[in-house]
Amino acid sequence: MNEIKLVIADDHELFRKGLAELLRKHDDIKIVKSVGDGHEFMEVMGSKLEADIVLLDIAMPKMDGFQVLKEIKSLNSSIKPIVISMHSDGNYIAKCAKDGAYGYLLKNTDEDELTLAIRTVYHGKKYFSAEISEKMINFMSTQSISENILSNKEAEVLVLISEGLTTKEIATKLFVSSRTIETHRANILKKLEVKNTAELIKKAAKINLI
């Protein structure tokens, strides 16, 4: 029986220890390293540690999961990343899949699904549960509809709004009148079907416009 060599990368020590304890019962899975941030993980990879899979958290200090995925991809590493996160937002899932994740699990996943995902990915296949796949597809369908929905100028104004600039500050920065910025803002709200700035920023982030 081939042993699946596993690295756990998560900044919560208790979660790492819990995962290790859970997986220790399975004879075909061996945890070869446990690290607390993305930078530490990349150092481990640089030491030529033999590993098949990394269970990767997204929100980590020094280097987050997104950056680690990109590094793994650029290095052409043979290690296969499975993201394990508390974020169930379709944006996160789609971004991870695009950046090379072989699987995506939520932190409340059960032992059976966790081991199934590890074994599936070890054999070279992707693992995204029906629920996760649905969230990703829903996001991607919204994203494709929303792509280029704003003009270049509106997109520029949206970014400045999201940075907390006032209408007057944006007008000064873009060398136009405050009235012009108010018109752009009204058009953006209408196009994204929201009523105020808070809703606007939330919707724009969700469909990846900012």
N, C-alpha and C. Protein backbone atom coordinates (compact mmCIF):
# COMPACT_ATOMS: atom_id res chain seq x y z
N MET A 1 0.85 -1.20 0.00
CA MET A 1 0.00 0.00 0.00
C MET A 1 0.89 1.26 0.00
N ASN A 2 0.66 2.13 -0.97
CA ASN A 2 1.42 3.38 -1.03
C ASN A 2 0.99 4.32 0.09
N GLU A 3 1.97 4.97 0.68
CA GLU A 3 1.70 5.92 1.75
C GLU A 3 1.55 7.32 1.16
N ILE A 4 0.48 8.02 1.53
CA ILE A 4 0.25 9.38 1.05
C ILE A 4 0.94 10.35 2.01
N LYS A 5 1.96 11.04 1.52
CA LYS A 5 2.73 11.96 2.38
C LYS A 5 2.07 13.33 2.34
N LEU A 6 1.74 13.84 3.53
CA LEU A 6 0.89 15.02 3.65
C LEU A 6 1.56 16.12 4.47
N VAL A 7 1.39 17.37 4.00
CA VAL A 7 1.81 18.54 4.79
C VAL A 7 0.55 19.31 5.18
N ILE A 8 0.51 19.81 6.41
CA ILE A 8 -0.61 20.67 6.85
C ILE A 8 -0.06 22.08 7.00
N ALA A 9 -0.69 23.04 6.32
CA ALA A 9 -0.29 24.45 6.42
C ALA A 9 -1.48 25.28 6.89
N ASP A 10 -1.45 25.66 8.17
CA ASP A 10 -2.57 26.41 8.76
C ASP A 10 -2.02 27.18 9.96
N ASP A 11 -2.48 28.42 10.15
CA ASP A 11 -1.91 29.22 11.24
C ASP A 11 -2.53 28.92 12.61
N HIS A 12 -3.54 28.07 12.66
CA HIS A 12 -4.14 27.72 13.95
C HIS A 12 -3.58 26.38 14.43
N GLU A 13 -2.78 26.43 15.47
CA GLU A 13 -2.10 25.23 15.96
C GLU A 13 -3.07 24.14 16.40
N LEU A 14 -4.15 24.55 17.07
CA LEU A 14 -5.13 23.56 17.53
C LEU A 14 -5.78 22.83 16.36
N PHE A 15 -6.05 23.57 15.28
CA PHE A 15 -6.66 22.96 14.09
C PHE A 15 -5.67 21.98 13.46
N ARG A 16 -4.40 22.38 13.37
CA ARG A 16 -3.36 21.50 12.80
C ARG A 16 -3.27 20.21 13.61
N LYS A 17 -3.24 20.36 14.93
CA LYS A 17 -3.12 19.18 15.80
C LYS A 17 -4.36 18.27 15.69
N GLY A 18 -5.52 18.91 15.58
CA GLY A 18 -6.77 18.14 15.44
C GLY A 18 -6.78 17.33 14.14
N LEU A 19 -6.35 17.98 13.05
CA LEU A 19 -6.28 17.28 11.75
C LEU A 19 -5.30 16.12 11.83
N ALA A 20 -4.13 16.37 12.43
CA ALA A 20 -3.11 15.34 12.54
C ALA A 20 -3.63 14.14 13.33
N GLU A 21 -4.34 14.43 14.41
CA GLU A 21 -4.89 13.37 15.26
C GLU A 21 -5.93 12.55 14.49
N LEU A 22 -6.74 13.26 13.73
CA LEU A 22 -7.80 12.63 12.93
C LEU A 22 -7.22 11.70 11.88
N LEU A 23 -6.17 12.16 11.21
CA LEU A 23 -5.61 11.41 10.07
C LEU A 23 -4.64 10.31 10.50
N ARG A 24 -4.17 10.39 11.76
CA ARG A 24 -3.21 9.40 12.24
C ARG A 24 -3.80 7.99 12.26
N LYS A 25 -5.12 7.90 12.32
CA LYS A 25 -5.81 6.60 12.36
C LYS A 25 -5.73 5.86 11.03
N HIS A 26 -5.41 6.59 9.97
CA HIS A 26 -5.44 6.00 8.62
C HIS A 26 -4.02 5.59 8.20
N ASP A 27 -3.83 4.29 8.01
CA ASP A 27 -2.50 3.75 7.75
C ASP A 27 -1.89 4.23 6.43
N ASP A 28 -2.74 4.62 5.48
CA ASP A 28 -2.21 5.02 4.16
C ASP A 28 -1.88 6.52 4.09
N ILE A 29 -2.09 7.24 5.20
CA ILE A 29 -1.82 8.70 5.21
C ILE A 29 -0.78 9.00 6.29
N LYS A 30 0.29 9.68 5.88
CA LYS A 30 1.35 10.03 6.83
C LYS A 30 1.62 11.54 6.77
N ILE A 31 1.52 12.21 7.92
CA ILE A 31 1.81 13.64 7.98
C ILE A 31 3.33 13.82 8.14
N VAL A 32 3.95 14.42 7.13
CA VAL A 32 5.41 14.57 7.16
C VAL A 32 5.84 15.93 7.69
N LYS A 33 4.92 16.90 7.71
CA LYS A 33 5.27 18.24 8.22
C LYS A 33 4.00 19.02 8.51
N SER A 34 4.09 19.88 9.54
CA SER A 34 2.98 20.77 9.90
C SER A 34 3.55 22.18 10.08
N VAL A 35 3.01 23.16 9.35
CA VAL A 35 3.56 24.52 9.39
C VAL A 35 2.47 25.55 9.65
N GLY A 36 2.90 26.73 10.15
CA GLY A 36 1.94 27.74 10.59
C GLY A 36 1.70 28.90 9.65
N ASP A 37 2.47 28.98 8.54
CA ASP A 37 2.21 30.06 7.57
C ASP A 37 2.77 29.68 6.20
N GLY A 38 2.39 30.45 5.20
CA GLY A 38 2.78 30.16 3.82
C GLY A 38 4.27 30.25 3.57
N HIS A 39 4.91 31.21 4.23
CA HIS A 39 6.35 31.39 4.06
C HIS A 39 7.10 30.15 4.57
N GLU A 40 6.67 29.67 5.72
CA GLU A 40 7.29 28.47 6.31
C GLU A 40 7.08 27.26 5.39
N PHE A 41 5.90 27.19 4.79
CA PHE A 41 5.62 26.09 3.87
C PHE A 41 6.56 26.13 2.66
N MET A 42 6.77 27.33 2.09
CA MET A 42 7.65 27.44 0.93
C MET A 42 9.10 27.08 1.30
N GLU A 43 9.50 27.41 2.52
CA GLU A 43 10.84 27.02 2.99
C GLU A 43 10.96 25.50 3.07
N VAL A 44 9.91 24.85 3.53
CA VAL A 44 9.87 23.39 3.60
C VAL A 44 9.98 22.80 2.19
N MET A 45 9.27 23.40 1.25
CA MET A 45 9.33 22.93 -0.13
C MET A 45 10.74 23.09 -0.70
N GLY A 46 11.40 24.18 -0.30
CA GLY A 46 12.77 24.44 -0.75
C GLY A 46 13.77 23.44 -0.19
N SER A 47 13.39 22.79 0.92
CA SER A 47 14.29 21.81 1.54
C SER A 47 14.17 20.43 0.90
N LYS A 48 13.39 20.36 -0.17
CA LYS A 48 13.21 19.11 -0.94
C LYS A 48 12.51 18.01 -0.14
N LEU A 49 11.66 18.42 0.79
CA LEU A 49 10.87 17.44 1.52
C LEU A 49 9.96 16.69 0.55
N GLU A 50 9.89 15.38 0.69
CA GLU A 50 9.01 14.58 -0.17
C GLU A 50 7.59 14.64 0.37
N ALA A 51 6.68 15.17 -0.45
CA ALA A 51 5.28 15.26 -0.03
C ALA A 51 4.38 15.17 -1.26
N ASP A 52 3.23 14.55 -1.08
CA ASP A 52 2.30 14.38 -2.20
C ASP A 52 1.22 15.46 -2.20
N ILE A 53 0.77 15.83 -1.00
CA ILE A 53 -0.38 16.73 -0.88
C ILE A 53 -0.13 17.73 0.24
N VAL A 54 -0.61 18.97 0.06
CA VAL A 54 -0.63 19.94 1.16
C VAL A 54 -2.09 20.31 1.43
N LEU A 55 -2.49 20.21 2.70
CA LEU A 55 -3.78 20.76 3.13
C LEU A 55 -3.53 22.21 3.48
N LEU A 56 -4.11 23.12 2.71
CA LEU A 56 -3.69 24.52 2.72
C LEU A 56 -4.81 25.45 3.16
N ASP A 57 -4.55 26.22 4.21
CA ASP A 57 -5.49 27.26 4.63
C ASP A 57 -5.30 28.49 3.73
N ILE A 58 -6.33 29.32 3.60
CA ILE A 58 -6.20 30.54 2.80
C ILE A 58 -5.66 31.69 3.64
N ALA A 59 -6.31 31.94 4.77
CA ALA A 59 -5.95 33.12 5.59
C ALA A 59 -4.80 32.78 6.53
N MET A 60 -3.58 33.02 6.05
CA MET A 60 -2.38 32.77 6.87
C MET A 60 -1.50 34.02 6.85
N PRO A 61 -0.73 34.24 7.92
CA PRO A 61 0.19 35.39 7.93
C PRO A 61 1.39 35.18 7.01
N LYS A 62 2.10 36.27 6.74
CA LYS A 62 3.34 36.29 5.93
C LYS A 62 3.10 35.96 4.45
N MET A 63 2.46 34.85 4.17
CA MET A 63 2.12 34.49 2.79
C MET A 63 0.82 33.70 2.84
N ASP A 64 -0.24 34.22 2.21
CA ASP A 64 -1.53 33.53 2.31
C ASP A 64 -1.64 32.37 1.32
N GLY A 65 -2.75 31.66 1.40
CA GLY A 65 -2.95 30.48 0.56
C GLY A 65 -2.97 30.79 -0.92
N PHE A 66 -3.52 31.93 -1.30
CA PHE A 66 -3.54 32.31 -2.72
C PHE A 66 -2.12 32.45 -3.26
N GLN A 67 -1.25 33.11 -2.48
CA GLN A 67 0.14 33.29 -2.89
C GLN A 67 0.87 31.95 -2.97
N VAL A 68 0.59 31.07 -2.02
CA VAL A 68 1.22 29.75 -2.02
C VAL A 68 0.81 28.96 -3.27
N LEU A 69 -0.48 29.01 -3.61
CA LEU A 69 -0.96 28.31 -4.82
C LEU A 69 -0.21 28.80 -6.06
N LYS A 70 -0.04 30.11 -6.17
CA LYS A 70 0.67 30.67 -7.32
C LYS A 70 2.13 30.23 -7.35
N GLU A 71 2.76 30.19 -6.15
CA GLU A 71 4.15 29.75 -6.07
C GLU A 71 4.30 28.29 -6.50
N ILE A 72 3.39 27.45 -6.01
CA ILE A 72 3.42 26.02 -6.37
C ILE A 72 3.30 25.87 -7.88
N LYS A 73 2.37 26.65 -8.45
CA LYS A 73 2.14 26.60 -9.90
C LYS A 73 3.37 27.05 -10.68
N SER A 74 3.97 28.15 -10.25
CA SER A 74 5.12 28.70 -10.97
C SER A 74 6.36 27.81 -10.84
N LEU A 75 6.45 27.08 -9.73
CA LEU A 75 7.61 26.20 -9.52
C LEU A 75 7.43 24.83 -10.17
N ASN A 76 6.23 24.61 -10.74
CA ASN A 76 5.92 23.30 -11.33
C ASN A 76 6.10 22.16 -10.34
N SER A 77 5.76 22.43 -9.09
CA SER A 77 5.93 21.44 -8.03
C SER A 77 4.93 20.29 -8.22
N SER A 78 5.34 19.11 -7.82
CA SER A 78 4.46 17.94 -7.96
C SER A 78 3.47 17.83 -6.80
N ILE A 79 3.67 18.63 -5.75
CA ILE A 79 2.75 18.58 -4.61
C ILE A 79 1.37 19.10 -5.02
N LYS A 80 0.34 18.40 -4.59
CA LYS A 80 -1.03 18.76 -5.00
C LYS A 80 -1.74 19.45 -3.82
N PRO A 81 -2.18 20.71 -4.02
CA PRO A 81 -2.82 21.45 -2.93
C PRO A 81 -4.33 21.15 -2.81
N ILE A 82 -4.75 20.89 -1.58
CA ILE A 82 -6.18 20.86 -1.27
C ILE A 82 -6.42 22.00 -0.29
N VAL A 83 -7.23 22.97 -0.69
CA VAL A 83 -7.53 24.10 0.19
C VAL A 83 -8.55 23.63 1.23
N ILE A 84 -8.30 23.96 2.48
CA ILE A 84 -9.25 23.66 3.55
C ILE A 84 -9.49 24.96 4.31
N SER A 85 -10.68 25.52 4.16
CA SER A 85 -10.94 26.90 4.59
C SER A 85 -12.31 27.03 5.23
N MET A 86 -12.48 28.13 5.98
CA MET A 86 -13.80 28.42 6.53
C MET A 86 -14.62 29.25 5.53
N HIS A 87 -13.98 29.73 4.46
CA HIS A 87 -14.66 30.58 3.47
C HIS A 87 -15.42 29.73 2.45
N SER A 88 -16.74 29.92 2.39
CA SER A 88 -17.55 29.16 1.44
C SER A 88 -17.99 30.01 0.26
N ASP A 89 -17.43 31.22 0.14
CA ASP A 89 -17.81 32.14 -0.93
C ASP A 89 -17.32 31.62 -2.28
N GLY A 90 -18.19 31.68 -3.28
CA GLY A 90 -17.85 31.18 -4.62
C GLY A 90 -16.62 31.83 -5.21
N ASN A 91 -16.40 33.11 -4.86
CA ASN A 91 -15.23 33.85 -5.34
C ASN A 91 -13.94 33.17 -4.90
N TYR A 92 -13.85 32.80 -3.61
CA TYR A 92 -12.67 32.13 -3.06
C TYR A 92 -12.44 30.79 -3.76
N ILE A 93 -13.53 30.03 -3.91
CA ILE A 93 -13.42 28.69 -4.48
C ILE A 93 -12.94 28.76 -5.93
N ALA A 94 -13.57 29.67 -6.71
CA ALA A 94 -13.18 29.81 -8.12
C ALA A 94 -11.74 30.27 -8.26
N LYS A 95 -11.32 31.21 -7.40
CA LYS A 95 -9.95 31.72 -7.44
C LYS A 95 -8.94 30.61 -7.14
N CYS A 96 -9.25 29.81 -6.13
CA CYS A 96 -8.35 28.70 -5.77
C CYS A 96 -8.27 27.67 -6.90
N ALA A 97 -9.42 27.35 -7.49
CA ALA A 97 -9.44 26.38 -8.59
C ALA A 97 -8.61 26.90 -9.77
N LYS A 98 -8.77 28.19 -10.06
CA LYS A 98 -8.03 28.80 -11.16
C LYS A 98 -6.52 28.80 -10.89
N ASP A 99 -6.15 28.95 -9.62
CA ASP A 99 -4.73 29.02 -9.25
C ASP A 99 -4.09 27.66 -9.01
N GLY A 100 -4.85 26.59 -9.27
CA GLY A 100 -4.23 25.27 -9.25
C GLY A 100 -4.60 24.34 -8.11
N ALA A 101 -5.61 24.71 -7.30
CA ALA A 101 -6.03 23.80 -6.21
C ALA A 101 -6.65 22.54 -6.80
N TYR A 102 -6.30 21.40 -6.24
CA TYR A 102 -6.87 20.12 -6.69
C TYR A 102 -8.19 19.82 -5.97
N GLY A 103 -8.42 20.52 -4.87
CA GLY A 103 -9.65 20.30 -4.12
C GLY A 103 -9.92 21.49 -3.21
N TYR A 104 -11.15 21.56 -2.71
CA TYR A 104 -11.54 22.64 -1.80
C TYR A 104 -12.50 22.05 -0.78
N LEU A 105 -12.11 22.14 0.49
CA LEU A 105 -12.94 21.63 1.58
C LEU A 105 -13.22 22.74 2.58
N LEU A 106 -14.37 22.67 3.23
CA LEU A 106 -14.67 23.60 4.31
C LEU A 106 -14.16 23.01 5.61
N LYS A 107 -13.84 23.87 6.58
CA LYS A 107 -13.23 23.39 7.83
C LYS A 107 -14.20 22.56 8.67
N ASN A 108 -15.48 22.61 8.34
CA ASN A 108 -16.44 21.78 9.09
C ASN A 108 -16.70 20.44 8.39
N THR A 109 -15.87 20.12 7.39
CA THR A 109 -16.05 18.85 6.67
C THR A 109 -15.84 17.67 7.61
N ASP A 110 -16.46 16.53 7.31
CA ASP A 110 -16.30 15.37 8.20
C ASP A 110 -15.10 14.52 7.77
N GLU A 111 -14.75 13.57 8.61
CA GLU A 111 -13.57 12.73 8.39
C GLU A 111 -13.66 11.95 7.08
N ASP A 112 -14.84 11.42 6.78
CA ASP A 112 -15.00 10.61 5.56
C ASP A 112 -14.72 11.43 4.31
N GLU A 113 -15.25 12.66 4.28
CA GLU A 113 -15.04 13.49 3.09
C GLU A 113 -13.57 13.93 3.00
N LEU A 114 -12.97 14.24 4.14
CA LEU A 114 -11.57 14.65 4.17
C LEU A 114 -10.67 13.55 3.59
N THR A 115 -10.84 12.34 4.07
CA THR A 115 -9.99 11.23 3.58
C THR A 115 -10.31 10.88 2.13
N LEU A 116 -11.58 10.99 1.75
CA LEU A 116 -11.95 10.75 0.35
C LEU A 116 -11.26 11.77 -0.56
N ALA A 117 -11.27 13.04 -0.15
CA ALA A 117 -10.62 14.09 -0.94
C ALA A 117 -9.13 13.83 -1.07
N ILE A 118 -8.48 13.47 0.04
CA ILE A 118 -7.03 13.22 0.03
C ILE A 118 -6.70 12.06 -0.93
N ARG A 119 -7.45 10.97 -0.84
CA ARG A 119 -7.18 9.79 -1.68
C ARG A 119 -7.50 10.07 -3.15
N THR A 120 -8.58 10.83 -3.39
CA THR A 120 -8.95 11.17 -4.77
C THR A 120 -7.86 12.01 -5.42
N VAL A 121 -7.39 13.03 -4.71
CA VAL A 121 -6.35 13.93 -5.23
C VAL A 121 -5.02 13.19 -5.39
N TYR A 122 -4.72 12.31 -4.46
CA TYR A 122 -3.47 11.52 -4.56
C TYR A 122 -3.42 10.74 -5.87
N HIS A 123 -4.58 10.28 -6.33
CA HIS A 123 -4.64 9.52 -7.58
C HIS A 123 -4.80 10.41 -8.81
N GLY A 124 -4.54 11.71 -8.62
CA GLY A 124 -4.46 12.62 -9.77
C GLY A 124 -5.76 13.25 -10.21
N LYS A 125 -6.82 13.06 -9.43
CA LYS A 125 -8.11 13.64 -9.79
C LYS A 125 -8.42 14.84 -8.90
N LYS A 126 -9.33 15.70 -9.36
CA LYS A 126 -9.75 16.86 -8.57
C LYS A 126 -10.88 16.44 -7.64
N TYR A 127 -11.00 17.14 -6.49
CA TYR A 127 -12.11 16.86 -5.58
C TYR A 127 -12.78 18.15 -5.16
N PHE A 128 -13.98 18.37 -5.70
CA PHE A 128 -14.84 19.49 -5.28
C PHE A 128 -16.22 18.88 -5.06
N SER A 129 -16.71 18.95 -3.83
CA SER A 129 -18.02 18.35 -3.53
C SER A 129 -19.12 19.04 -4.35
N ALA A 130 -20.29 18.42 -4.37
CA ALA A 130 -21.42 18.99 -5.12
C ALA A 130 -21.75 20.40 -4.63
N GLU A 131 -21.72 20.58 -3.30
CA GLU A 131 -22.05 21.89 -2.71
C GLU A 131 -21.02 22.95 -3.12
N ILE A 132 -19.74 22.58 -3.04
CA ILE A 132 -18.66 23.50 -3.39
C ILE A 132 -18.70 23.82 -4.88
N SER A 133 -18.91 22.81 -5.71
CA SER A 133 -18.98 23.01 -7.16
C SER A 133 -20.12 23.96 -7.53
N GLU A 134 -21.26 23.80 -6.85
CA GLU A 134 -22.42 24.65 -7.13
C GLU A 134 -22.12 26.11 -6.80
N LYS A 135 -21.46 26.34 -5.66
CA LYS A 135 -21.10 27.71 -5.27
C LYS A 135 -20.15 28.32 -6.30
N MET A 136 -19.20 27.52 -6.77
CA MET A 136 -18.22 28.02 -7.74
C MET A 136 -18.91 28.34 -9.08
N ILE A 137 -19.77 27.45 -9.52
CA ILE A 137 -20.47 27.65 -10.80
C ILE A 137 -21.39 28.87 -10.73
N ASN A 138 -22.09 29.01 -9.60
CA ASN A 138 -22.98 30.17 -9.42
C ASN A 138 -22.19 31.47 -9.49
N PHE A 139 -21.03 31.49 -8.84
CA PHE A 139 -20.18 32.68 -8.87
C PHE A 139 -19.71 32.96 -10.29
N MET A 140 -19.22 31.92 -10.97
CA MET A 140 -18.65 32.11 -12.30
C MET A 140 -19.71 32.56 -13.32
N SER A 141 -20.94 32.09 -13.15
CA SER A 141 -21.99 32.52 -14.07
C SER A 141 -22.35 33.99 -13.83
N THR A 142 -22.35 34.41 -12.56
CA THR A 142 -22.58 35.82 -12.23
C THR A 142 -21.45 36.68 -12.76
N GLN A 143 -20.23 36.15 -12.58
CA GLN A 143 -19.04 36.88 -13.01
C GLN A 143 -19.04 37.13 -14.51
N SER A 144 -19.41 36.11 -15.29
CA SER A 144 -19.36 36.28 -16.74
C SER A 144 -20.41 37.28 -17.22
N ILE A 145 -21.56 37.30 -16.54
CA ILE A 145 -22.60 38.25 -16.90
C ILE A 145 -22.15 39.67 -16.54
N SER A 146 -21.46 39.78 -15.39
CA SER A 146 -21.08 41.10 -14.89
C SER A 146 -19.81 41.67 -15.53
N GLU A 147 -19.08 40.83 -16.26
CA GLU A 147 -17.81 41.27 -16.83
C GLU A 147 -18.05 42.43 -17.79
N ASN A 148 -17.23 43.46 -17.66
CA ASN A 148 -17.31 44.65 -18.51
C ASN A 148 -18.67 45.36 -18.44
N ILE A 149 -19.38 45.16 -17.34
CA ILE A 149 -20.68 45.82 -17.20
C ILE A 149 -20.50 47.33 -17.00
N LEU A 150 -19.35 47.74 -16.46
CA LEU A 150 -19.07 49.16 -16.25
C LEU A 150 -18.13 49.69 -17.32
N SER A 151 -18.29 50.97 -17.62
CA SER A 151 -17.34 51.61 -18.54
C SER A 151 -15.99 51.75 -17.82
N ASN A 152 -14.94 52.04 -18.57
CA ASN A 152 -13.60 52.19 -17.96
C ASN A 152 -13.61 53.29 -16.89
N LYS A 153 -14.29 54.40 -17.18
CA LYS A 153 -14.33 55.52 -16.24
C LYS A 153 -15.11 55.13 -14.98
N GLU A 154 -16.24 54.42 -15.18
CA GLU A 154 -17.04 53.96 -14.04
C GLU A 154 -16.24 52.99 -13.17
N ALA A 155 -15.49 52.10 -13.82
CA ALA A 155 -14.65 51.15 -13.08
C ALA A 155 -13.60 51.88 -12.25
N GLU A 156 -13.05 52.94 -12.82
CA GLU A 156 -12.04 53.76 -12.14
C GLU A 156 -12.66 54.45 -10.92
N VAL A 157 -13.86 55.00 -11.10
CA VAL A 157 -14.57 55.68 -10.00
C VAL A 157 -14.91 54.66 -8.90
N LEU A 158 -15.34 53.47 -9.31
CA LEU A 158 -15.69 52.42 -8.35
C LEU A 158 -14.50 52.08 -7.44
N VAL A 159 -13.33 51.92 -8.01
CA VAL A 159 -12.13 51.61 -7.22
C VAL A 159 -11.86 52.71 -6.20
N LEU A 160 -11.99 53.97 -6.63
CA LEU A 160 -11.74 55.10 -5.73
C LEU A 160 -12.80 55.18 -4.62
N ILE A 161 -14.04 54.85 -4.95
CA ILE A 161 -15.11 54.79 -3.93
C ILE A 161 -14.76 53.72 -2.90
N SER A 162 -14.30 52.56 -3.40
CA SER A 162 -13.97 51.44 -2.50
C SER A 162 -12.79 51.77 -1.59
N GLU A 163 -11.96 52.73 -2.02
CA GLU A 163 -10.81 53.15 -1.22
C GLU A 163 -11.20 54.22 -0.18
N GLY A 164 -12.49 54.61 -0.18
CA GLY A 164 -12.99 55.52 0.84
C GLY A 164 -12.91 57.00 0.48
N LEU A 165 -12.61 57.33 -0.78
CA LEU A 165 -12.51 58.73 -1.18
C LEU A 165 -13.91 59.34 -1.30
N THR A 166 -14.03 60.61 -0.97
CA THR A 166 -15.30 61.33 -1.11
C THR A 166 -15.49 61.73 -2.57
N THR A 167 -16.71 62.15 -2.89
CA THR A 167 -17.00 62.61 -4.26
C THR A 167 -16.06 63.74 -4.67
N LYS A 168 -15.86 64.69 -3.75
CA LYS A 168 -14.98 65.83 -4.05
C LYS A 168 -13.54 65.37 -4.29
N GLU A 169 -13.06 64.43 -3.47
CA GLU A 169 -11.69 63.92 -3.62
C GLU A 169 -11.50 63.18 -4.95
N ILE A 170 -12.53 62.40 -5.30
CA ILE A 170 -12.46 61.67 -6.58
C ILE A 170 -12.46 62.65 -7.75
N ALA A 171 -13.32 63.66 -7.65
CA ALA A 171 -13.39 64.68 -8.71
C ALA A 171 -12.04 65.37 -8.90
N THR A 172 -11.41 65.73 -7.79
CA THR A 172 -10.10 66.38 -7.84
C THR A 172 -9.06 65.47 -8.47
N LYS A 173 -9.10 64.22 -8.07
CA LYS A 173 -8.12 63.23 -8.55
C LYS A 173 -8.27 62.98 -10.06
N LEU A 174 -9.52 62.98 -10.54
CA LEU A 174 -9.77 62.68 -11.95
C LEU A 174 -9.95 63.94 -12.82
N PHE A 175 -9.76 65.12 -12.19
CA PHE A 175 -9.84 66.40 -12.91
C PHE A 175 -11.19 66.61 -13.60
N VAL A 176 -12.26 66.26 -12.87
CA VAL A 176 -13.62 66.50 -13.39
C VAL A 176 -14.43 67.15 -12.27
N SER A 177 -15.68 67.49 -12.59
CA SER A 177 -16.53 68.14 -11.58
C SER A 177 -17.14 67.10 -10.64
N SER A 178 -17.55 67.55 -9.47
CA SER A 178 -18.23 66.68 -8.51
C SER A 178 -19.52 66.13 -9.10
N ARG A 179 -20.19 66.96 -9.91
CA ARG A 179 -21.44 66.53 -10.54
C ARG A 179 -21.20 65.33 -11.47
N THR A 180 -20.08 65.35 -12.20
CA THR A 180 -19.74 64.24 -13.10
C THR A 180 -19.54 62.95 -12.30
N ILE A 181 -18.87 63.07 -11.16
CA ILE A 181 -18.64 61.89 -10.30
C ILE A 181 -19.96 61.37 -9.74
N GLU A 182 -20.84 62.29 -9.35
CA GLU A 182 -22.16 61.88 -8.85
C GLU A 182 -22.94 61.13 -9.93
N THR A 183 -22.82 61.58 -11.18
CA THR A 183 -23.49 60.89 -12.30
C THR A 183 -22.93 59.48 -12.48
N HIS A 184 -21.59 59.38 -12.45
CA HIS A 184 -20.94 58.06 -12.57
C HIS A 184 -21.41 57.14 -11.43
N ARG A 185 -21.45 57.70 -10.22
CA ARG A 185 -21.83 56.91 -9.04
C ARG A 185 -23.27 56.40 -9.18
N ALA A 186 -24.15 57.27 -9.64
CA ALA A 186 -25.56 56.89 -9.83
C ALA A 186 -25.68 55.78 -10.88
N ASN A 187 -24.89 55.89 -11.95
CA ASN A 187 -24.92 54.87 -13.00
C ASN A 187 -24.39 53.52 -12.50
N ILE A 188 -23.33 53.59 -11.67
CA ILE A 188 -22.75 52.35 -11.12
C ILE A 188 -23.77 51.66 -10.22
N LEU A 189 -24.43 52.43 -9.33
CA LEU A 189 -25.44 51.87 -8.43
C LEU A 189 -26.56 51.20 -9.23
N LYS A 190 -26.97 51.87 -10.30
CA LYS A 190 -28.06 51.35 -11.13
C LYS A 190 -27.64 50.05 -11.83
N LYS A 191 -26.44 50.05 -12.42
CA LYS A 191 -25.96 48.88 -13.16
C LYS A 191 -25.76 47.66 -12.26
N LEU A 192 -25.31 47.91 -11.04
CA LEU A 192 -25.06 46.80 -10.13
C LEU A 192 -26.26 46.49 -9.24
N GLU A 193 -27.33 47.25 -9.45
CA GLU A 193 -28.62 47.01 -8.77
C GLU A 193 -28.47 47.04 -7.24
N VAL A 194 -27.81 48.11 -6.75
CA VAL A 194 -27.66 48.31 -5.31
C VAL A 194 -28.12 49.72 -4.94
N LYS A 195 -28.34 49.94 -3.62
CA LYS A 195 -28.94 51.21 -3.20
C LYS A 195 -27.96 52.19 -2.56
N ASN A 196 -26.85 51.68 -2.00
CA ASN A 196 -25.93 52.57 -1.29
C ASN A 196 -24.49 52.08 -1.41
N THR A 197 -23.56 52.85 -0.85
CA THR A 197 -22.14 52.55 -0.98
C THR A 197 -21.76 51.21 -0.34
N ALA A 198 -22.33 50.93 0.83
CA ALA A 198 -22.01 49.67 1.52
C ALA A 198 -22.40 48.46 0.66
N GLU A 199 -23.62 48.51 0.11
CA GLU A 199 -24.09 47.43 -0.76
C GLU A 199 -23.25 47.35 -2.03
N LEU A 200 -22.88 48.53 -2.54
CA LEU A 200 -22.07 48.60 -3.76
C LEU A 200 -20.74 47.89 -3.59
N ILE A 201 -20.04 48.19 -2.50
CA ILE A 201 -18.71 47.60 -2.27
C ILE A 201 -18.83 46.10 -2.07
N LYS A 202 -19.86 45.68 -1.33
CA LYS A 202 -20.07 44.25 -1.10
C LYS A 202 -20.33 43.50 -2.41
N LYS A 203 -21.20 44.08 -3.25
CA LYS A 203 -21.55 43.44 -4.53
C LYS A 203 -20.35 43.45 -5.48
N ALA A 204 -19.64 44.58 -5.54
CA ALA A 204 -18.48 44.71 -6.44
C ALA A 204 -17.39 43.71 -6.07
N ALA A 205 -17.19 43.50 -4.76
CA ALA A 205 -16.18 42.53 -4.31
C ALA A 205 -16.62 41.12 -4.67
N LYS A 206 -17.91 40.85 -4.49
CA LYS A 206 -18.44 39.51 -4.74
C LYS A 206 -18.29 39.11 -6.21
N ILE A 207 -18.47 40.07 -7.12
CA ILE A 207 -18.36 39.73 -8.55
C ILE A 207 -17.01 40.15 -9.13
N ASN A 208 -16.07 40.37 -8.20
CA ASN A 208 -14.66 40.55 -8.59
C ASN A 208 -14.38 41.83 -9.40
N LEU A 209 -15.15 42.89 -9.16
CA LEU A 209 -14.90 44.16 -9.85
C LEU A 209 -13.89 45.01 -9.10
N ILE A 210 -13.67 44.68 -7.81
CA ILE A 210 -12.63 45.39 -7.03
C ILE A 210 -11.80 44.35 -6.29
